Amino acid sequence: ASHLTAIILFYSTAIYTYLRPSSSYSLDQ
C-alpha cells in the first residue's frame, strides 16, 4: 500500500507535466 501511494503521487504529477500535449502546456499550472 505504501509503495503504491508513493507511485501514484510521483507518476500523476510527472505524467501531467511531461507527457501532455505541448498545445495544452500552461506555465502557471
PDB file of all heavy atoms in Angstrom:
ATOM      1  N   ALA A   1       0.814  -1.218   0.000  1.00  0.00           N
ATOM      2  CA  ALA A   1       0.000   0.000   0.000  1.00  0.00           C
ATOM      3  C   ALA A   1       0.844   1.262   0.000  1.00  0.00           C
ATOM      4  O   ALA A   1       0.571   2.216  -0.751  1.00  0.00           O
ATOM      5  CB  ALA A   1      -0.932  -0.008   1.206  1.00  0.00           C
ATOM      6  N   SER A   2       1.897   1.282   0.824  1.00  0.00           N
ATOM      7  CA  SER A   2       2.743   2.478   0.899  1.00  0.00           C
ATOM      8  C   SER A   2       3.469   2.713  -0.421  1.00  0.00           C
ATOM      9  O   SER A   2       3.601   3.855  -0.879  1.00  0.00           O
ATOM     10  CB  SER A   2       3.749   2.346   2.045  1.00  0.00           C
ATOM     11  OG  SER A   2       4.501   1.153   1.907  1.00  0.00           O
ATOM     12  N   HIS A   3       3.931   1.618  -1.031  1.00  0.00           N
ATOM     13  CA  HIS A   3       4.628   1.739  -2.312  1.00  0.00           C
ATOM     14  C   HIS A   3       3.707   2.275  -3.400  1.00  0.00           C
ATOM     15  O   HIS A   3       4.068   3.175  -4.167  1.00  0.00           O
ATOM     16  CB  HIS A   3       5.184   0.375  -2.721  1.00  0.00           C
ATOM     17  CG  HIS A   3       6.034   0.418  -3.947  1.00  0.00           C
ATOM     18  ND1 HIS A   3       6.042  -0.588  -4.885  1.00  0.00           N
ATOM     19  CD2 HIS A   3       6.885   1.361  -4.411  1.00  0.00           C
ATOM     20  CE1 HIS A   3       6.873  -0.265  -5.862  1.00  0.00           C
ATOM     21  NE2 HIS A   3       7.406   0.902  -5.598  1.00  0.00           N
ATOM     22  N   LEU A   4       2.499   1.761  -3.463  1.00  0.00           N
ATOM     23  CA  LEU A   4       1.532   2.216  -4.458  1.00  0.00           C
ATOM     24  C   LEU A   4       1.160   3.683  -4.246  1.00  0.00           C
ATOM     25  O   LEU A   4       0.996   4.440  -5.214  1.00  0.00           O
ATOM     26  CB  LEU A   4       0.274   1.349  -4.405  1.00  0.00           C
ATOM     27  CG  LEU A   4       0.382  -0.023  -5.078  1.00  0.00           C
ATOM     28  CD1 LEU A   4      -0.862  -0.854  -4.790  1.00  0.00           C
ATOM     29  CD2 LEU A   4       0.575   0.124  -6.584  1.00  0.00           C
ATOM     30  N   THR A   5       1.025   4.104  -2.996  1.00  0.00           N
ATOM     31  CA  THR A   5       0.715   5.512  -2.692  1.00  0.00           C
ATOM     32  C   THR A   5       1.810   6.431  -3.221  1.00  0.00           C
ATOM     33  O   THR A   5       1.534   7.456  -3.862  1.00  0.00           O
ATOM     34  CB  THR A   5       0.552   5.714  -1.176  1.00  0.00           C
ATOM     35  OG1 THR A   5      -0.457   4.832  -0.681  1.00  0.00           O
ATOM     36  CG2 THR A   5       0.170   7.149  -0.858  1.00  0.00           C
ATOM     37  N   ALA A   6       3.065   6.077  -2.954  1.00  0.00           N
ATOM     38  CA  ALA A   6       4.190   6.890  -3.423  1.00  0.00           C
ATOM     39  C   ALA A   6       4.249   6.927  -4.949  1.00  0.00           C
ATOM     40  O   ALA A   6       4.527   7.970  -5.546  1.00  0.00           O
ATOM     41  CB  ALA A   6       5.501   6.336  -2.855  1.00  0.00           C
ATOM     42  N   ILE A   7       3.973   5.784  -5.593  1.00  0.00           N
ATOM     43  CA  ILE A   7       3.996   5.714  -7.058  1.00  0.00           C
ATOM     44  C   ILE A   7       2.925   6.614  -7.669  1.00  0.00           C
ATOM     45  O   ILE A   7       3.188   7.358  -8.617  1.00  0.00           O
ATOM     46  CB  ILE A   7       3.793   4.255  -7.525  1.00  0.00           C
ATOM     47  CG1 ILE A   7       5.050   3.438  -7.242  1.00  0.00           C
ATOM     48  CG2 ILE A   7       3.460   4.196  -9.014  1.00  0.00           C
ATOM     49  CD1 ILE A   7       4.873   1.951  -7.485  1.00  0.00           C
ATOM     50  N   ILE A   8       1.715   6.550  -7.125  1.00  0.00           N
ATOM     51  CA  ILE A   8       0.610   7.357  -7.657  1.00  0.00           C
ATOM     52  C   ILE A   8       0.922   8.850  -7.535  1.00  0.00           C
ATOM     53  O   ILE A   8       0.701   9.622  -8.479  1.00  0.00           O
ATOM     54  CB  ILE A   8      -0.704   7.009  -6.925  1.00  0.00           C
ATOM     55  CG1 ILE A   8      -1.157   5.597  -7.303  1.00  0.00           C
ATOM     56  CG2 ILE A   8      -1.802   8.016  -7.275  1.00  0.00           C
ATOM     57  CD1 ILE A   8      -2.291   5.062  -6.447  1.00  0.00           C
ATOM     58  N   LEU A   9       1.456   9.273  -6.398  1.00  0.00           N
ATOM     59  CA  LEU A   9       1.791  10.685  -6.196  1.00  0.00           C
ATOM     60  C   LEU A   9       2.855  11.143  -7.192  1.00  0.00           C
ATOM     61  O   LEU A   9       2.742  12.212  -7.800  1.00  0.00           O
ATOM     62  CB  LEU A   9       2.290  10.906  -4.767  1.00  0.00           C
ATOM     63  CG  LEU A   9       1.244  10.827  -3.651  1.00  0.00           C
ATOM     64  CD1 LEU A   9       1.919  10.889  -2.289  1.00  0.00           C
ATOM     65  CD2 LEU A   9       0.224  11.950  -3.786  1.00  0.00           C
ATOM     66  N   PHE A  10       3.890  10.331  -7.372  1.00  0.00           N
ATOM     67  CA  PHE A  10       5.002  10.711  -8.251  1.00  0.00           C
ATOM     68  C   PHE A  10       4.582  10.716  -9.714  1.00  0.00           C
ATOM     69  O   PHE A  10       4.815  11.689 -10.444  1.00  0.00           O
ATOM     70  CB  PHE A  10       6.180   9.752  -8.041  1.00  0.00           C
ATOM     71  CG  PHE A  10       7.368  10.054  -8.905  1.00  0.00           C
ATOM     72  CD1 PHE A  10       8.275  11.028  -8.538  1.00  0.00           C
ATOM     73  CD2 PHE A  10       7.581   9.356 -10.088  1.00  0.00           C
ATOM     74  CE1 PHE A  10       9.382  11.308  -9.339  1.00  0.00           C
ATOM     75  CE2 PHE A  10       8.676   9.631 -10.902  1.00  0.00           C
ATOM     76  CZ  PHE A  10       9.581  10.610 -10.509  1.00  0.00           C
ATOM     77  N   TYR A  11       3.941   9.636 -10.145  1.00  0.00           N
ATOM     78  CA  TYR A  11       3.639   9.486 -11.565  1.00  0.00           C
ATOM     79  C   TYR A  11       2.523  10.413 -12.033  1.00  0.00           C
ATOM     80  O   TYR A  11       2.529  10.876 -13.174  1.00  0.00           O
ATOM     81  CB  TYR A  11       3.282   8.035 -11.882  1.00  0.00           C
ATOM     82  CG  TYR A  11       4.478   7.225 -12.298  1.00  0.00           C
ATOM     83  CD1 TYR A  11       5.230   6.543 -11.347  1.00  0.00           C
ATOM     84  CD2 TYR A  11       4.874   7.160 -13.618  1.00  0.00           C
ATOM     85  CE1 TYR A  11       6.343   5.807 -11.715  1.00  0.00           C
ATOM     86  CE2 TYR A  11       5.980   6.433 -13.998  1.00  0.00           C
ATOM     87  CZ  TYR A  11       6.714   5.757 -13.051  1.00  0.00           C
ATOM     88  OH  TYR A  11       7.822   5.040 -13.425  1.00  0.00           O
ATOM     89  N   SER A  12       1.551  10.695 -11.189  1.00  0.00           N
ATOM     90  CA  SER A  12       0.446  11.559 -11.613  1.00  0.00           C
ATOM     91  C   SER A  12       0.941  12.958 -11.965  1.00  0.00           C
ATOM     92  O   SER A  12       0.538  13.532 -12.983  1.00  0.00           O
ATOM     93  CB  SER A  12      -0.620  11.630 -10.520  1.00  0.00           C
ATOM     94  OG  SER A  12      -0.064  12.119  -9.303  1.00  0.00           O
ATOM     95  N   THR A  13       1.835  13.510 -11.149  1.00  0.00           N
ATOM     96  CA  THR A  13       2.356  14.854 -11.432  1.00  0.00           C
ATOM     97  C   THR A  13       3.388  14.836 -12.559  1.00  0.00           C
ATOM     98  O   THR A  13       3.418  15.752 -13.388  1.00  0.00           O
ATOM     99  CB  THR A  13       2.986  15.454 -10.170  1.00  0.00           C
ATOM    100  OG1 THR A  13       3.942  14.525  -9.629  1.00  0.00           O
ATOM    101  CG2 THR A  13       1.939  15.759  -9.127  1.00  0.00           C
ATOM    102  N   ALA A  14       4.224  13.798 -12.608  1.00  0.00           N
ATOM    103  CA  ALA A  14       5.251  13.730 -13.649  1.00  0.00           C
ATOM    104  C   ALA A  14       4.638  13.548 -15.034  1.00  0.00           C
ATOM    105  O   ALA A  14       5.048  14.208 -16.003  1.00  0.00           O
ATOM    106  CB  ALA A  14       6.217  12.585 -13.351  1.00  0.00           C
ATOM    107  N   ILE A  15       3.654  12.668 -15.146  1.00  0.00           N
ATOM    108  CA  ILE A  15       2.994  12.453 -16.440  1.00  0.00           C
ATOM    109  C   ILE A  15       2.254  13.708 -16.873  1.00  0.00           C
ATOM    110  O   ILE A  15       2.282  14.085 -18.053  1.00  0.00           O
ATOM    111  CB  ILE A  15       2.038  11.242 -16.346  1.00  0.00           C
ATOM    112  CG1 ILE A  15       2.850   9.951 -16.228  1.00  0.00           C
ATOM    113  CG2 ILE A  15       1.121  11.171 -17.567  1.00  0.00           C
ATOM    114  CD1 ILE A  15       2.016   8.714 -15.996  1.00  0.00           C
ATOM    115  N   TYR A  16       1.596  14.378 -15.920  1.00  0.00           N
ATOM    116  CA  TYR A  16       0.884  15.615 -16.249  1.00  0.00           C
ATOM    117  C   TYR A  16       1.843  16.669 -16.800  1.00  0.00           C
ATOM    118  O   TYR A  16       1.511  17.394 -17.746  1.00  0.00           O
ATOM    119  CB  TYR A  16       0.184  16.154 -14.999  1.00  0.00           C
ATOM    120  CG  TYR A  16      -0.425  17.525 -15.193  1.00  0.00           C
ATOM    121  CD1 TYR A  16      -1.656  17.674 -15.834  1.00  0.00           C
ATOM    122  CD2 TYR A  16       0.234  18.674 -14.758  1.00  0.00           C
ATOM    123  CE1 TYR A  16      -2.203  18.930 -16.030  1.00  0.00           C
ATOM    124  CE2 TYR A  16      -0.314  19.930 -14.945  1.00  0.00           C
ATOM    125  CZ  TYR A  16      -1.538  20.051 -15.576  1.00  0.00           C
ATOM    126  OH  TYR A  16      -2.076  21.292 -15.768  1.00  0.00           O
ATOM    127  N   THR A  17       3.040  16.748 -16.240  1.00  0.00           N
ATOM    128  CA  THR A  17       3.990  17.791 -16.640  1.00  0.00           C
ATOM    129  C   THR A  17       4.675  17.487 -17.966  1.00  0.00           C
ATOM    130  O   THR A  17       4.807  18.370 -18.815  1.00  0.00           O
ATOM    131  CB  THR A  17       5.060  17.970 -15.548  1.00  0.00           C
ATOM    132  OG1 THR A  17       4.411  18.300 -14.318  1.00  0.00           O
ATOM    133  CG2 THR A  17       6.032  19.087 -15.912  1.00  0.00           C
ATOM    134  N   TYR A  18       5.099  16.234 -18.175  1.00  0.00           N
ATOM    135  CA  TYR A  18       5.989  15.953 -19.298  1.00  0.00           C
ATOM    136  C   TYR A  18       5.361  15.185 -20.457  1.00  0.00           C
ATOM    137  O   TYR A  18       5.942  15.149 -21.549  1.00  0.00           O
ATOM    138  CB  TYR A  18       7.214  15.179 -18.787  1.00  0.00           C
ATOM    139  CG  TYR A  18       8.046  15.983 -17.824  1.00  0.00           C
ATOM    140  CD1 TYR A  18       8.029  15.716 -16.465  1.00  0.00           C
ATOM    141  CD2 TYR A  18       8.824  17.050 -18.266  1.00  0.00           C
ATOM    142  CE1 TYR A  18       8.773  16.462 -15.569  1.00  0.00           C
ATOM    143  CE2 TYR A  18       9.578  17.803 -17.384  1.00  0.00           C
ATOM    144  CZ  TYR A  18       9.543  17.507 -16.037  1.00  0.00           C
ATOM    145  OH  TYR A  18      10.274  18.258 -15.160  1.00  0.00           O
ATOM    146  N   LEU A  19       4.217  14.573 -20.243  1.00  0.00           N
ATOM    147  CA  LEU A  19       3.649  13.753 -21.317  1.00  0.00           C
ATOM    148  C   LEU A  19       2.350  14.290 -21.884  1.00  0.00           C
ATOM    149  O   LEU A  19       1.754  13.650 -22.737  1.00  0.00           O
ATOM    150  CB  LEU A  19       3.433  12.312 -20.819  1.00  0.00           C
ATOM    151  CG  LEU A  19       4.704  11.539 -20.445  1.00  0.00           C
ATOM    152  CD1 LEU A  19       4.363  10.095 -20.140  1.00  0.00           C
ATOM    153  CD2 LEU A  19       5.752  11.611 -21.555  1.00  0.00           C
ATOM    154  N   ARG A  20       1.884  15.448 -21.415  1.00  0.00           N
ATOM    155  CA  ARG A  20       0.684  16.012 -22.030  1.00  0.00           C
ATOM    156  C   ARG A  20       1.075  16.778 -23.282  1.00  0.00           C
ATOM    157  O   ARG A  20       2.232  17.199 -23.431  1.00  0.00           O
ATOM    158  CB  ARG A  20      -0.067  16.911 -21.047  1.00  0.00           C
ATOM    159  CG  ARG A  20       0.566  18.246 -20.746  1.00  0.00           C
ATOM    160  CD  ARG A  20      -0.296  18.966 -19.695  1.00  0.00           C
ATOM    161  NE  ARG A  20       0.087  20.356 -19.535  1.00  0.00           N
ATOM    162  CZ  ARG A  20       1.009  20.777 -18.687  1.00  0.00           C
ATOM    163  NH1 ARG A  20       1.671  19.891 -17.943  1.00  0.00           N
ATOM    164  NH2 ARG A  20       1.276  22.063 -18.594  1.00  0.00           N
ATOM    165  N   PRO A  21       0.146  16.994 -24.228  1.00  0.00           N
ATOM    166  CA  PRO A  21       0.461  17.698 -25.477  1.00  0.00           C
ATOM    167  C   PRO A  21       0.988  19.105 -25.218  1.00  0.00           C
ATOM    168  O   PRO A  21       0.531  19.788 -24.294  1.00  0.00           O
ATOM    169  CB  PRO A  21      -0.906  17.753 -26.199  1.00  0.00           C
ATOM    170  CG  PRO A  21      -1.686  16.639 -25.606  1.00  0.00           C
ATOM    171  CD  PRO A  21      -1.249  16.527 -24.187  1.00  0.00           C
ATOM    172  N   SER A  22       1.972  19.521 -26.011  1.00  0.00           N
ATOM    173  CA  SER A  22       2.558  20.854 -25.832  1.00  0.00           C
ATOM    174  C   SER A  22       1.547  21.961 -26.061  1.00  0.00           C
ATOM    175  O   SER A  22       1.686  23.064 -25.526  1.00  0.00           O
ATOM    176  CB  SER A  22       3.743  21.028 -26.794  1.00  0.00           C
ATOM    177  OG  SER A  22       3.323  20.855 -28.138  1.00  0.00           O
ATOM    178  N   SER A  23       0.511  21.688 -26.854  1.00  0.00           N
ATOM    179  CA  SER A  23      -0.515  22.704 -27.118  1.00  0.00           C
ATOM    180  C   SER A  23      -1.302  23.059 -25.862  1.00  0.00           C
ATOM    181  O   SER A  23      -1.852  24.150 -25.751  1.00  0.00           O
ATOM    182  CB  SER A  23      -1.470  22.216 -28.211  1.00  0.00           C
ATOM    183  OG  SER A  23      -2.075  20.988 -27.832  1.00  0.00           O
ATOM    184  N   SER A  24      -1.366  22.131 -24.912  1.00  0.00           N
ATOM    185  CA  SER A  24      -2.111  22.376 -23.670  1.00  0.00           C
ATOM    186  C   SER A  24      -1.197  22.789 -22.531  1.00  0.00           C
ATOM    187  O   SER A  24      -1.618  22.851 -21.377  1.00  0.00           O
ATOM    188  CB  SER A  24      -2.883  21.114 -23.262  1.00  0.00           C
ATOM    189  OG  SER A  24      -1.983  20.053 -22.984  1.00  0.00           O
ATOM    190  N   TYR A  25       0.075  23.086 -22.845  1.00  0.00           N
ATOM    191  CA  TYR A  25       1.048  23.436 -21.815  1.00  0.00           C
ATOM    192  C   TYR A  25       0.721  24.789 -21.195  1.00  0.00           C
ATOM    193  O   TYR A  25       0.473  25.764 -21.902  1.00  0.00           O
ATOM    194  CB  TYR A  25       2.453  23.452 -22.418  1.00  0.00           C
ATOM    195  CG  TYR A  25       3.539  23.783 -21.425  1.00  0.00           C
ATOM    196  CD1 TYR A  25       4.001  22.816 -20.537  1.00  0.00           C
ATOM    197  CD2 TYR A  25       4.091  25.057 -21.374  1.00  0.00           C
ATOM    198  CE1 TYR A  25       4.993  23.116 -19.628  1.00  0.00           C
ATOM    199  CE2 TYR A  25       5.090  25.358 -20.471  1.00  0.00           C
ATOM    200  CZ  TYR A  25       5.541  24.376 -19.604  1.00  0.00           C
ATOM    201  OH  TYR A  25       6.523  24.683 -18.692  1.00  0.00           O
ATOM    202  N   SER A  26       0.713  24.861 -19.888  1.00  0.00           N
ATOM    203  CA  SER A  26       0.452  26.095 -19.156  1.00  0.00           C
ATOM    204  C   SER A  26       1.560  26.296 -18.141  1.00  0.00           C
ATOM    205  O   SER A  26       1.793  25.447 -17.278  1.00  0.00           O
ATOM    206  CB  SER A  26      -0.909  26.036 -18.444  1.00  0.00           C
ATOM    207  OG  SER A  26      -1.056  27.116 -17.554  1.00  0.00           O
ATOM    208  N   LEU A  27       2.249  27.446 -18.208  1.00  0.00           N
ATOM    209  CA  LEU A  27       3.363  27.712 -17.319  1.00  0.00           C
ATOM    210  C   LEU A  27       2.923  27.772 -15.867  1.00  0.00           C
ATOM    211  O   LEU A  27       3.591  27.245 -14.973  1.00  0.00           O
ATOM    212  CB  LEU A  27       4.053  29.025 -17.724  1.00  0.00           C
ATOM    213  CG  LEU A  27       4.818  28.990 -19.050  1.00  0.00           C
ATOM    214  CD1 LEU A  27       5.216  30.389 -19.471  1.00  0.00           C
ATOM    215  CD2 LEU A  27       6.049  28.107 -18.941  1.00  0.00           C
ATOM    216  N   ASP A  28       1.795  28.420 -15.596  1.00  0.00           N
ATOM    217  CA  ASP A  28       1.317  28.540 -14.215  1.00  0.00           C
ATOM    218  C   ASP A  28       0.912  27.195 -13.635  1.00  0.00           C
ATOM    219  O   ASP A  28       1.235  26.869 -12.484  1.00  0.00           O
ATOM    220  CB  ASP A  28       0.134  29.521 -14.155  1.00  0.00           C
ATOM    221  CG  ASP A  28       0.562  30.958 -14.443  1.00  0.00           C
ATOM    222  OD1 ASP A  28       1.726  31.276 -14.134  1.00  0.00           O
ATOM    223  OD2 ASP A  28      -0.261  31.725 -14.969  1.00  0.00           O
ATOM    224  N   GLN A  29       0.194  26.389 -14.423  1.00  0.00           N
ATOM    225  CA  GLN A  29      -0.202  25.061 -13.953  1.00  0.00           C
ATOM    226  C   GLN A  29       1.022  24.175 -13.746  1.00  0.00           C
ATOM    227  O   GLN A  29       1.077  23.377 -12.792  1.00  0.00           O
ATOM    228  CB  GLN A  29      -1.153  24.413 -14.959  1.00  0.00           C
ATOM    229  CG  GLN A  29      -2.519  25.089 -15.035  1.00  0.00           C
ATOM    230  CD  GLN A  29      -3.404  24.469 -16.101  1.00  0.00           C
ATOM    231  OE1 GLN A  29      -3.038  23.481 -16.737  1.00  0.00           O
ATOM    232  NE2 GLN A  29      -4.577  25.050 -16.313  1.00  0.00           N
TER     233      GLN A  29
END
